[in-house]
Amino acid sequence: MRTSVGGVSEIVDERPAPVPLFEPRGGVPPVIDTQPALDAAIAAIASGSGPIAVDAERASGYRYGQRAYLVQLRREPAGIVLIDPIAFENLDALNEVIADTEWILHAASQDLPSLREVGLRPTKLFDTELAARLAGFERVGLATMVEVLLGRGLAKEHSAADWSRRPLPEPWLRYAALDVEILVELRDALEAELIRQGKLEWARQEFSAVLNASPPAPRVDPWRRTSGMHRVRSSRQLAVVRALWEARDELARARDTAPGRVLPDAAIVAAANASPESPEQLGRLPGWGGRSTRRLVAQLWPTIAATYRLSESELPRPAVTGDGPPSPSRWPDRDPVAAGRLGRARAALSEIGAANDMPVENLVTPDLVRRLAWSPPATDPEGVGEFLRSGGARPWQIELTAEPLSKAMISDEPVLEAPPAVSEE
């Protein structure tokens, strides 16, 4: 495996086979689910020193929400602590002794919401995944980074397990414990690499941004993200999708079950496209004949029938126009000048990314680049920098990109072939 980091790729290519990690030092501790055990663990952690490795396991794909069903911590000399957060009203007492300690997480933005839900709110952070991206590693999964930088092997066979299960199987607990076993060592190795590349301050700014990020705004019309929506054409069919999605969501919330386990997206789209005229016809459609979904036919048929009685004004529009610019694929026809600005901006960012060994999307978010190129609020470096700042860009990003992007907004050089676009997400 070769990375884009200068001086590291040779090590990666020639490294010996990783040494598998089968068991954490000290073994797998019992899961804490009583107040006395939690009090003892908090005391042990409070008496420790240095940063604390933190992880959380959810039950995505099994449960409705994203709550944590297991919290793993490791701090010297307490070692690994496994906590069942479902057994406690909250973990505020634990937070009181570790909130001001540096927390080490891998892909922190994924775990922070579920940790905050149980009362764990860090004020200092080191995100090993984000650090790896900034350092220029091409693959930044935890197992990969542990192998590349530490020469150890981590198995990931239980990453998609149903962590709401009780009791949790011992192999799962071993896997969960190993996720924090050498996270401190990984943090130290990545910090050394960031220092070598002169990027440690960049990383600190990114970690602060993750900590202070506002919760995402609720999606407008989330039912429109139903898989297979591209096959739904008419407004009446869209109304069926909307009604079934909302009914399913209510059922899933009440059952604390992932919506897709209540009724698959494919079944919703099949009902919308077929426009069944009776419960019997509905039950014969793909996705509706299973043991669990058969019971929903009678329950959800009135929901479908009600959409047939909606007036035209009550039907959803075929498409929702967002507040941003159109898809870049339409720019050459709608505004060739803006298309030129976007092409030049992408080319400039590609050069900066290559020079700094990092993905372009870590320099400026693709959406912010599109908004700038579609309708530049300013073309001087200061004005572009202020626009980037208002869009959430950090100081290091503005320092690297404001002047090149400013030139891209005013240059009249043609763009013969724009570099591949970064992700539109």
Protein backbone atom coordinates (compact mmCIF):
# COMPACT_ATOMS: atom_id res chain seq x y z
CA MET A 1 0.00 0.00 0.00
CA ARG A 2 1.42 3.41 -0.95
CA THR A 3 0.38 6.74 0.51
CA SER A 4 0.89 10.20 -0.89
CA VAL A 5 2.94 11.33 2.09
CA GLY A 6 6.56 11.98 1.25
CA GLY A 7 8.90 9.72 3.18
CA VAL A 8 6.10 7.45 4.38
CA SER A 9 5.31 5.60 1.16
CA GLU A 10 8.61 3.71 1.22
CA ILE A 11 7.90 2.51 4.74
CA VAL A 12 4.42 1.41 3.75
CA ASP A 13 5.59 -0.53 0.71
CA GLU A 14 8.38 -2.36 2.54
CA ARG A 15 6.83 -2.90 5.95
CA PRO A 16 6.52 -6.45 7.28
CA ALA A 17 3.17 -8.13 7.70
CA PRO A 18 1.19 -6.50 10.53
CA VAL A 19 1.21 -8.16 13.93
CA PRO A 20 -2.42 -9.05 14.72
CA LEU A 21 -4.01 -7.66 17.85
CA PHE A 22 -6.08 -10.45 19.37
CA GLU A 23 -6.45 -9.28 22.96
CA PRO A 24 -6.05 -5.95 24.75
CA ARG A 25 -3.41 -5.64 27.44
CA GLY A 26 -5.01 -6.78 30.66
CA GLY A 27 -7.73 -8.69 28.82
CA VAL A 28 -11.31 -7.67 28.09
CA PRO A 29 -12.85 -5.96 31.13
CA PRO A 30 -16.44 -6.64 32.17
CA VAL A 31 -19.10 -4.23 30.95
CA ILE A 32 -20.01 -1.67 33.60
CA ASP A 33 -23.76 -1.58 34.17
CA THR A 34 -24.12 -0.81 37.90
CA GLN A 35 -23.60 2.45 39.77
CA PRO A 36 -20.90 1.11 42.14
CA ALA A 37 -18.88 -0.20 39.21
CA LEU A 38 -19.30 3.08 37.37
CA ASP A 39 -18.21 5.08 40.43
CA ALA A 40 -15.07 2.95 40.75
CA ALA A 41 -14.26 3.37 37.06
CA ILE A 42 -14.71 7.14 37.25
CA ALA A 43 -12.34 7.30 40.21
CA ALA A 44 -9.73 5.23 38.36
CA ILE A 45 -10.00 7.38 35.24
CA ALA A 46 -9.83 10.60 37.29
CA SER A 47 -6.58 9.46 38.90
CA GLY A 48 -5.00 8.80 35.52
CA SER A 49 -2.92 11.06 33.34
CA GLY A 50 -2.61 12.01 29.71
CA PRO A 51 -5.25 11.96 26.97
CA ILE A 52 -8.16 9.54 26.92
CA ALA A 53 -9.12 7.31 24.00
CA VAL A 54 -12.87 7.22 23.40
CA ASP A 55 -15.15 5.27 21.09
CA ALA A 56 -18.85 4.45 20.90
CA GLU A 57 -20.80 1.65 19.27
CA ARG A 58 -24.24 2.26 17.81
CA ALA A 59 -26.86 0.00 16.27
CA SER A 60 -27.17 1.66 12.87
CA GLY A 61 -29.39 -0.35 10.59
CA TYR A 62 -31.09 -2.01 13.56
CA ARG A 63 -32.47 0.80 15.74
CA TYR A 64 -34.28 4.00 14.83
CA GLY A 65 -31.82 6.51 16.24
CA GLN A 66 -28.07 6.81 16.56
CA ARG A 67 -27.72 6.43 20.32
CA ALA A 68 -24.64 4.82 21.84
CA TYR A 69 -25.09 1.26 23.14
CA LEU A 70 -21.51 0.86 24.33
CA VAL A 71 -18.90 3.43 25.31
CA GLN A 72 -15.23 2.45 25.36
CA LEU A 73 -12.49 4.45 27.08
CA ARG A 74 -8.81 3.96 27.77
CA ARG A 75 -6.52 6.05 29.93
CA GLU A 76 -3.35 5.24 31.77
CA PRO A 77 -3.12 3.65 34.27
CA ALA A 78 -6.81 2.73 34.49
CA GLY A 79 -6.68 0.78 31.24
CA ILE A 80 -9.79 -0.01 29.20
CA VAL A 81 -13.26 0.73 30.54
CA LEU A 82 -16.42 -0.55 28.83
CA ILE A 83 -19.68 1.15 29.85
CA ASP A 84 -23.24 0.22 29.00
CA PRO A 85 -24.84 3.69 28.71
CA ILE A 86 -28.33 2.18 28.55
CA ALA A 87 -27.98 1.15 32.21
CA PHE A 88 -27.65 4.76 33.39
CA GLU A 89 -29.74 7.90 33.15
CA ASN A 90 -26.65 9.74 31.94
CA LEU A 91 -22.86 9.76 32.24
CA ASP A 92 -22.57 13.32 33.54
CA ALA A 93 -20.42 12.25 36.50
CA LEU A 94 -17.88 10.70 34.13
CA ASN A 95 -17.92 13.79 31.96
CA GLU A 96 -17.04 15.98 34.93
CA VAL A 97 -13.66 14.27 35.35
CA ILE A 98 -12.68 13.98 31.68
CA ALA A 99 -14.33 16.95 29.91
CA ASP A 100 -11.15 19.05 29.99
CA THR A 101 -8.88 16.17 29.01
CA GLU A 102 -7.91 15.70 25.38
CA TRP A 103 -10.21 13.07 23.87
CA ILE A 104 -8.90 10.91 21.05
CA LEU A 105 -11.53 9.66 18.61
CA HIS A 106 -11.40 8.25 15.12
CA ALA A 107 -13.96 10.01 12.86
CA ALA A 108 -15.19 12.12 15.76
CA SER A 109 -18.10 13.68 13.91
CA GLN A 110 -19.74 10.25 13.73
CA ASP A 111 -19.50 9.55 17.47
CA LEU A 112 -19.88 12.97 19.07
CA PRO A 113 -23.68 13.22 18.67
CA SER A 114 -24.28 9.85 20.34
CA LEU A 115 -21.73 10.62 23.07
CA ARG A 116 -23.36 13.97 23.81
CA GLU A 117 -26.71 12.24 24.03
CA VAL A 118 -25.47 10.25 27.03
CA GLY A 119 -23.81 13.27 28.68
CA LEU A 120 -20.25 13.05 27.34
CA ARG A 121 -19.13 16.41 25.93
CA PRO A 122 -15.43 16.96 25.21
CA THR A 123 -13.74 20.36 25.11
CA LYS A 124 -10.45 19.14 23.62
CA LEU A 125 -10.16 16.74 20.70
CA PHE A 126 -7.69 14.86 18.54
CA ASP A 127 -9.41 13.15 15.61
CA THR A 128 -7.11 10.49 14.19
CA GLU A 129 -9.10 10.09 10.97
CA LEU A 130 -9.09 13.81 10.24
CA ALA A 131 -5.40 14.00 11.15
CA ALA A 132 -4.68 11.21 8.68
CA ARG A 133 -6.54 13.05 5.91
CA LEU A 134 -4.59 16.23 6.55
CA ALA A 135 -1.35 14.24 6.56
CA GLY A 136 -2.16 12.97 3.07
CA PHE A 137 -2.94 9.30 3.66
CA GLU A 138 -5.14 7.86 0.94
CA ARG A 139 -6.99 5.36 3.14
CA VAL A 140 -7.81 6.58 6.62
CA GLY A 141 -9.86 3.82 8.25
CA LEU A 142 -8.78 2.93 11.76
CA ALA A 143 -7.54 -0.55 10.87
CA THR A 144 -5.55 0.80 7.94
CA MET A 145 -3.91 3.57 9.94
CA VAL A 146 -3.02 1.22 12.80
CA GLU A 147 -1.41 -1.12 10.26
CA VAL A 148 0.43 1.60 8.35
CA LEU A 149 1.80 3.60 11.28
CA LEU A 150 1.99 1.04 14.08
CA GLY A 151 2.43 -2.25 12.24
CA ARG A 152 -0.47 -3.88 14.06
CA GLY A 153 -3.54 -5.63 12.68
CA LEU A 154 -7.09 -4.79 13.80
CA ALA A 155 -10.07 -6.91 12.74
CA LYS A 156 -13.25 -5.04 11.80
CA GLU A 157 -15.67 -7.95 11.53
CA HIS A 158 -18.16 -6.60 14.11
CA SER A 159 -18.33 -2.96 12.98
CA ALA A 160 -21.90 -3.34 11.66
CA ALA A 161 -23.24 -5.49 14.50
CA ASP A 162 -26.43 -4.85 16.45
CA TRP A 163 -24.88 -3.29 19.54
CA SER A 164 -28.28 -2.98 21.22
CA ARG A 165 -28.18 -6.74 21.80
CA ARG A 166 -27.92 -7.86 25.43
CA PRO A 167 -25.82 -9.47 26.64
CA LEU A 168 -23.11 -8.45 24.21
CA PRO A 169 -21.08 -11.44 22.96
CA GLU A 170 -17.52 -11.68 24.25
CA PRO A 171 -15.96 -11.48 20.73
CA TRP A 172 -17.80 -8.21 20.17
CA LEU A 173 -16.49 -6.81 23.45
CA ARG A 174 -12.96 -7.80 22.51
CA TYR A 175 -13.34 -6.01 19.19
CA ALA A 176 -14.72 -2.91 20.94
CA ALA A 177 -11.91 -2.90 23.51
CA LEU A 178 -9.25 -3.17 20.81
CA ASP A 179 -10.64 -0.08 19.09
CA VAL A 180 -9.29 2.06 21.95
CA GLU A 181 -6.32 -0.16 22.86
CA ILE A 182 -3.71 1.70 20.84
CA LEU A 183 -5.56 4.87 19.90
CA VAL A 184 -3.17 6.97 22.02
CA GLU A 185 -0.19 5.47 20.17
CA LEU A 186 -1.85 6.22 16.83
CA ARG A 187 -2.51 9.79 17.94
CA ASP A 188 1.17 10.27 18.83
CA ALA A 189 2.35 8.86 15.50
CA LEU A 190 -0.01 11.11 13.55
CA GLU A 191 0.95 14.18 15.57
CA ALA A 192 4.60 13.50 14.76
CA GLU A 193 3.74 13.26 11.04
CA LEU A 194 1.72 16.49 11.17
CA ILE A 195 4.63 18.26 12.86
CA ARG A 196 7.01 16.94 10.21
CA GLN A 197 4.76 18.34 7.49
CA GLY A 198 4.10 21.64 9.29
CA LYS A 199 0.37 20.93 9.55
CA LEU A 200 -0.21 20.58 13.28
CA GLU A 201 -1.82 24.01 13.59
CA TRP A 202 -4.08 23.17 10.65
CA ALA A 203 -5.17 20.04 12.46
CA ARG A 204 -5.89 21.96 15.65
CA GLN A 205 -8.13 24.34 13.74
CA GLU A 206 -9.95 21.40 12.17
CA PHE A 207 -10.42 19.67 15.54
CA SER A 208 -11.85 22.88 16.99
CA ALA A 209 -14.25 23.18 14.05
CA VAL A 210 -15.50 19.64 14.65
CA LEU A 211 -16.06 20.35 18.34
CA ASN A 212 -17.93 23.59 17.69
CA ALA A 213 -19.94 22.49 14.66
CA SER A 214 -23.66 23.14 14.93
CA PRO A 215 -26.00 20.18 14.54
CA PRO A 216 -27.07 19.75 10.92
CA ALA A 217 -30.32 21.42 10.03
CA PRO A 218 -33.26 19.06 9.54
CA ARG A 219 -33.53 17.91 5.94
CA VAL A 220 -36.25 19.46 3.83
CA ASP A 221 -38.58 16.72 2.59
CA PRO A 222 -36.39 13.82 3.80
CA TRP A 223 -38.73 11.38 2.04
CA ARG A 224 -37.22 12.52 -1.25
CA ARG A 225 -34.07 10.58 -0.35
CA THR A 226 -35.93 7.27 -0.65
CA SER A 227 -33.77 4.90 -2.66
CA GLY A 228 -35.15 4.44 -6.17
CA MET A 229 -36.87 7.83 -6.34
CA HIS A 230 -35.50 8.36 -9.85
CA ARG A 231 -38.09 5.82 -11.05
CA VAL A 232 -41.00 7.80 -9.62
CA ARG A 233 -42.37 10.23 -12.18
CA SER A 234 -45.78 11.75 -11.46
CA SER A 235 -46.81 14.03 -8.62
CA ARG A 236 -49.46 11.48 -7.57
CA GLN A 237 -46.81 8.80 -7.28
CA LEU A 238 -44.62 11.17 -5.29
CA ALA A 239 -47.53 11.64 -2.91
CA VAL A 240 -47.61 7.89 -2.30
CA VAL A 241 -43.89 7.87 -1.55
CA ARG A 242 -44.29 10.78 0.85
CA ALA A 243 -47.25 9.23 2.65
CA LEU A 244 -45.66 5.80 3.02
CA TRP A 245 -42.30 7.25 4.09
CA GLU A 246 -43.95 9.34 6.82
CA ALA A 247 -46.12 6.44 8.01
CA ARG A 248 -43.09 4.14 8.09
CA ASP A 249 -41.09 6.72 10.01
CA GLU A 250 -43.79 6.91 12.70
CA LEU A 251 -43.85 3.13 13.01
CA ALA A 252 -40.06 2.89 13.14
CA ARG A 253 -39.81 5.56 15.81
CA ALA A 254 -42.48 3.86 17.93
CA ARG A 255 -40.76 0.46 17.59
CA ASP A 256 -37.22 1.86 17.90
CA THR A 257 -36.38 0.01 14.71
CA ALA A 258 -34.46 1.14 11.65
CA PRO A 259 -37.03 2.30 9.05
CA GLY A 260 -35.66 -0.03 6.40
CA ARG A 261 -36.42 -2.99 8.66
CA VAL A 262 -40.03 -1.91 8.96
CA LEU A 263 -40.57 -1.49 5.22
CA PRO A 264 -37.85 -1.45 2.52
CA ASP A 265 -37.50 1.57 0.25
CA ALA A 266 -38.05 -0.76 -2.70
CA ALA A 267 -41.52 -1.61 -1.40
CA ILE A 268 -42.43 2.07 -1.11
CA VAL A 269 -41.32 2.77 -4.68
CA ALA A 270 -43.11 -0.33 -5.98
CA ALA A 271 -46.38 0.84 -4.41
CA ALA A 272 -45.95 4.32 -5.84
CA ASN A 273 -45.30 3.11 -9.38
CA ALA A 274 -47.96 0.39 -9.45
CA SER A 275 -50.81 2.51 -8.04
CA PRO A 276 -52.60 -0.55 -6.58
CA GLU A 277 -56.37 -0.37 -6.40
CA SER A 278 -56.89 -2.70 -3.44
CA PRO A 279 -55.07 -4.19 -0.46
CA GLU A 280 -54.88 -7.48 -2.38
CA GLN A 281 -53.01 -5.83 -5.25
CA LEU A 282 -50.70 -4.09 -2.78
CA GLY A 283 -49.85 -7.37 -1.08
CA ARG A 284 -48.75 -8.89 -4.38
CA LEU A 285 -46.21 -6.15 -5.11
CA PRO A 286 -42.44 -6.67 -4.60
CA GLY A 287 -41.44 -6.07 -1.01
CA TRP A 288 -44.91 -6.49 0.44
CA GLY A 289 -45.13 -10.27 0.62
CA GLY A 290 -42.66 -10.97 3.41
CA ARG A 291 -43.70 -12.26 6.79
CA SER A 292 -43.34 -8.87 8.48
CA THR A 293 -44.48 -6.64 5.61
CA ARG A 294 -47.65 -8.68 4.94
CA ARG A 295 -48.96 -7.41 8.27
CA LEU A 296 -48.50 -3.84 7.07
CA VAL A 297 -50.73 -4.18 4.03
CA ALA A 298 -53.99 -3.64 5.89
CA GLN A 299 -52.41 -1.01 8.11
CA LEU A 300 -50.93 1.10 5.32
CA TRP A 301 -53.53 0.62 2.60
CA PRO A 302 -55.67 3.53 3.93
CA THR A 303 -52.55 5.71 3.78
CA ILE A 304 -52.13 4.92 0.09
CA ALA A 305 -55.82 5.27 -0.69
CA ALA A 306 -55.85 8.72 0.91
CA THR A 307 -53.25 9.96 -1.59
CA TYR A 308 -55.62 9.12 -4.46
CA ARG A 309 -58.09 11.66 -3.05
CA LEU A 310 -55.65 14.55 -2.78
CA SER A 311 -56.30 17.59 -4.94
CA GLU A 312 -53.68 18.72 -7.43
CA SER A 313 -52.66 21.56 -5.14
CA GLU A 314 -51.94 19.09 -2.34
CA LEU A 315 -49.56 16.97 -4.40
CA PRO A 316 -45.79 17.44 -3.98
CA ARG A 317 -43.80 19.06 -6.74
CA PRO A 318 -41.74 16.70 -8.90
CA ALA A 319 -38.54 18.41 -7.78
CA VAL A 320 -37.41 20.78 -5.09
CA THR A 321 -35.16 23.64 -6.08
CA GLY A 322 -32.43 24.22 -3.54
CA ASP A 323 -30.96 27.55 -2.55
CA GLY A 324 -27.62 26.84 -4.20
CA PRO A 325 -26.43 26.93 -7.79
CA PRO A 326 -27.56 24.31 -10.32
CA SER A 327 -25.69 21.12 -11.02
CA PRO A 328 -22.28 21.95 -12.55
CA SER A 329 -23.11 19.75 -15.54
CA ARG A 330 -25.63 22.42 -16.61
CA TRP A 331 -23.30 25.38 -16.19
CA PRO A 332 -21.75 25.39 -19.70
CA ASP A 333 -25.20 25.95 -21.21
CA ARG A 334 -26.69 28.22 -18.55
CA ASP A 335 -23.64 30.36 -17.78
CA PRO A 336 -20.41 29.57 -19.67
CA VAL A 337 -18.55 32.33 -17.81
CA ALA A 338 -19.41 30.77 -14.44
CA ALA A 339 -18.41 27.36 -15.82
CA GLY A 340 -15.02 28.83 -16.68
CA ARG A 341 -14.64 30.20 -13.17
CA LEU A 342 -15.50 26.82 -11.68
CA GLY A 343 -13.04 25.01 -13.93
CA ARG A 344 -10.25 27.39 -13.04
CA ALA A 345 -11.11 27.17 -9.33
CA ARG A 346 -11.01 23.38 -9.42
CA ALA A 347 -7.69 23.43 -11.26
CA ALA A 348 -6.20 25.82 -8.69
CA LEU A 349 -7.43 23.72 -5.78
CA SER A 350 -6.10 20.55 -7.36
CA GLU A 351 -2.65 22.13 -7.55
CA ILE A 352 -2.83 23.26 -3.91
CA GLY A 353 -4.02 19.84 -2.79
CA ALA A 354 -1.22 18.08 -4.65
CA ALA A 355 1.38 20.46 -3.25
CA ASN A 356 0.16 19.84 0.29
CA ASP A 357 -0.57 16.09 0.05
CA MET A 358 -4.24 16.26 0.94
CA PRO A 359 -7.65 15.77 -0.67
CA VAL A 360 -9.10 18.84 -2.36
CA GLU A 361 -12.29 18.61 -0.30
CA ASN A 362 -10.23 19.25 2.83
CA LEU A 363 -9.16 22.61 1.40
CA VAL A 364 -12.61 24.04 0.67
CA THR A 365 -15.95 22.26 0.64
CA PRO A 366 -17.18 21.60 -2.92
CA ASP A 367 -20.46 23.41 -2.22
CA LEU A 368 -18.64 26.55 -1.13
CA VAL A 369 -16.51 26.51 -4.29
CA ARG A 370 -19.61 26.17 -6.48
CA ARG A 371 -21.37 29.04 -4.73
CA LEU A 372 -18.32 31.24 -5.13
CA ALA A 373 -17.90 30.44 -8.82
CA TRP A 374 -21.59 30.75 -9.69
CA SER A 375 -21.98 34.24 -8.27
CA PRO A 376 -18.76 35.69 -6.84
CA PRO A 377 -19.56 38.24 -4.12
CA ALA A 378 -16.05 39.64 -4.61
CA THR A 379 -13.00 38.93 -6.74
CA ASP A 380 -10.20 40.39 -4.61
CA PRO A 381 -8.37 38.05 -2.17
CA GLU A 382 -9.78 39.84 0.87
CA GLY A 383 -13.35 39.60 -0.39
CA VAL A 384 -12.95 35.96 -1.39
CA GLY A 385 -11.39 35.24 1.99
CA GLU A 386 -14.33 36.81 3.78
CA PHE A 387 -16.73 34.76 1.67
CA LEU A 388 -14.86 31.58 2.57
CA ARG A 389 -14.82 32.57 6.25
CA SER A 390 -18.57 33.18 6.25
CA GLY A 391 -18.98 29.72 4.74
CA GLY A 392 -17.10 28.07 7.60
CA ALA A 393 -13.58 27.88 6.16
CA ARG A 394 -10.80 27.88 8.73
CA PRO A 395 -7.92 30.40 8.76
CA TRP A 396 -5.40 27.93 7.34
CA GLN A 397 -7.73 27.10 4.46
CA ILE A 398 -8.30 30.77 3.68
CA GLU A 399 -4.57 31.47 3.78
CA LEU A 400 -3.92 28.72 1.23
CA THR A 401 -6.83 29.29 -1.14
CA ALA A 402 -8.14 32.88 -1.06
CA GLU A 403 -5.60 34.34 -3.48
CA PRO A 404 -5.64 31.44 -6.02
CA LEU A 405 -9.44 31.39 -5.97
CA SER A 406 -9.50 35.16 -6.42
CA LYS A 407 -7.38 34.79 -9.55
CA ALA A 408 -9.68 32.02 -10.79
CA MET A 409 -12.67 34.36 -10.48
CA ILE A 410 -11.15 37.07 -12.68
CA SER A 411 -8.86 35.21 -15.07
CA ASP A 412 -9.90 35.12 -18.70
CA GLU A 413 -7.77 32.10 -19.49
CA PRO A 414 -9.87 29.36 -21.14
CA VAL A 415 -10.29 26.03 -19.38
CA LEU A 416 -9.76 23.37 -22.02
CA GLU A 417 -10.38 20.47 -19.72
CA ALA A 418 -11.36 20.86 -16.08
CA PRO A 419 -9.91 18.38 -13.60
CA PRO A 420 -12.25 15.71 -12.28
CA ALA A 421 -14.82 17.17 -9.94
CA VAL A 422 -14.62 16.34 -6.28
CA SER A 423 -17.61 14.77 -4.54
CA GLU A 424 -20.81 16.76 -4.88
CA GLU A 425 -21.97 15.74 -1.41
